[in-house]
Protein backbone atom coordinates (compact mmCIF):
# COMPACT_ATOMS: atom_id res chain seq x y z
CA UNK A 1 -9.94 2.74 12.85
CA UNK A 2 -6.51 4.12 13.67
CA UNK A 3 -3.48 4.35 11.39
CA UNK A 4 -1.64 1.93 13.69
CA UNK A 5 -4.44 -0.60 13.04
CA UNK A 6 -3.91 -0.28 9.28
CA UNK A 7 -0.16 -0.87 9.61
CA UNK A 8 -0.77 -4.36 11.04
CA UNK A 9 -2.81 -5.48 8.01
CA UNK A 10 -1.38 -7.24 4.98
CA UNK A 11 -2.41 -5.87 1.56
CA UNK A 12 -3.43 -8.40 -1.10
CA UNK A 13 -4.23 -7.58 -4.73
CA UNK A 14 -7.33 -9.49 -5.84
CA UNK A 15 -6.36 -9.15 -9.54
CA UNK A 16 -3.49 -11.63 -9.24
CA UNK A 17 -3.74 -12.74 -5.57
CA UNK A 18 -0.30 -11.24 -4.95
CA UNK A 19 0.77 -10.23 -1.46
CA UNK A 20 1.96 -6.65 -1.69
CA UNK A 21 3.11 -6.28 1.91
CA UNK A 22 1.96 -4.32 4.93
CA UNK A 23 0.72 -0.73 5.02
CA UNK A 24 3.70 1.52 5.60
CA UNK A 25 2.03 4.93 5.44
CA UNK A 26 -1.21 6.66 4.54
CA UNK A 27 -2.04 9.84 2.64
CA UNK A 28 -4.78 12.10 4.03
CA UNK A 29 -6.50 15.23 2.79
CA UNK A 30 -5.59 17.65 5.59
CA UNK A 31 -8.70 19.81 5.12
CA UNK A 32 -11.36 17.10 5.04
CA UNK A 33 -9.55 14.38 7.00
CA UNK A 34 -10.40 11.82 4.30
CA UNK A 35 -8.06 8.97 3.46
CA UNK A 36 -6.69 9.43 -0.07
CA UNK A 37 -4.40 6.41 -0.40
CA UNK A 38 -2.40 3.77 1.41
CA UNK A 39 1.31 3.34 0.73
CA UNK A 40 2.88 -0.11 0.80
CA UNK A 41 6.69 -0.42 0.64
CA UNK A 42 7.73 -2.50 -2.35
CA UNK A 43 10.01 -5.52 -2.28
CA UNK A 44 13.69 -5.02 -1.44
CA UNK A 45 16.24 -5.81 -4.08
CA UNK A 46 19.52 -7.57 -3.54
CA UNK A 47 21.56 -5.48 -5.99
CA UNK A 48 20.55 -2.35 -4.10
CA UNK A 49 21.66 -3.94 -0.80
CA UNK A 50 18.06 -4.64 0.26
CA UNK A 51 17.02 -1.03 -0.23
CA UNK A 52 13.47 -0.58 -1.43
CA UNK A 53 13.38 1.01 -4.86
CA UNK A 54 9.60 1.11 -5.30
CA UNK A 55 6.48 1.60 -3.29
CA UNK A 56 2.83 0.97 -4.10
CA UNK A 57 0.55 3.99 -3.75
CA UNK A 58 -2.95 2.56 -3.72
CA UNK A 59 -5.84 5.05 -4.04
CA UNK A 60 -8.73 4.72 -1.61
CA UNK A 61 -11.13 3.94 -4.48
CA UNK A 62 -9.13 0.75 -5.21
CA UNK A 63 -9.59 -0.65 -1.68
CA UNK A 64 -12.29 -3.32 -1.87
CA UNK A 65 -12.48 -4.63 1.69
CA UNK A 66 -10.77 -4.16 5.04
CA UNK A 67 -10.85 -7.28 7.17
CA UNK A 68 -9.52 -8.09 10.63
CA UNK A 69 -6.05 -8.95 9.30
CA UNK A 70 -5.95 -8.15 5.55
CA UNK A 71 -6.87 -5.39 3.13
CA UNK A 72 -8.10 -6.49 -0.30
CA UNK A 73 -7.34 -4.12 -3.17
CA UNK A 74 -8.08 -4.21 -6.89
CA UNK A 75 -5.22 -2.30 -8.45
CA UNK A 76 -3.07 -2.25 -11.59
CA UNK A 77 0.44 -2.46 -10.13
CA UNK A 78 2.01 -0.61 -13.07
CA UNK A 79 -0.09 2.46 -12.25
CA UNK A 80 0.31 2.13 -8.47
CA UNK A 81 4.11 1.76 -8.45
CA UNK A 82 6.30 4.77 -7.79
CA UNK A 83 10.05 5.07 -7.41
CA UNK A 84 11.23 5.94 -3.95
CA UNK A 85 13.27 9.10 -3.54
CA UNK A 86 16.86 8.16 -2.72
């Protein structure tokens, strides 16, 4: 599977059935070539003029299933949320 294939899939958290968005980036181990995590841009906020303030960094171990059009994850959003560098 290519990175471009991942970017067309919607990420859904099976804990609360919440749609997190689409894969925006991935994190690889450069030495082994293994996928470490997927990064999903968080929701935009109106007060920040639709600038994304958060992103979800979801470790590979939390990915439960990759289907033809969705990726199911089981993740605690408080632990997976990081502030974006502005």
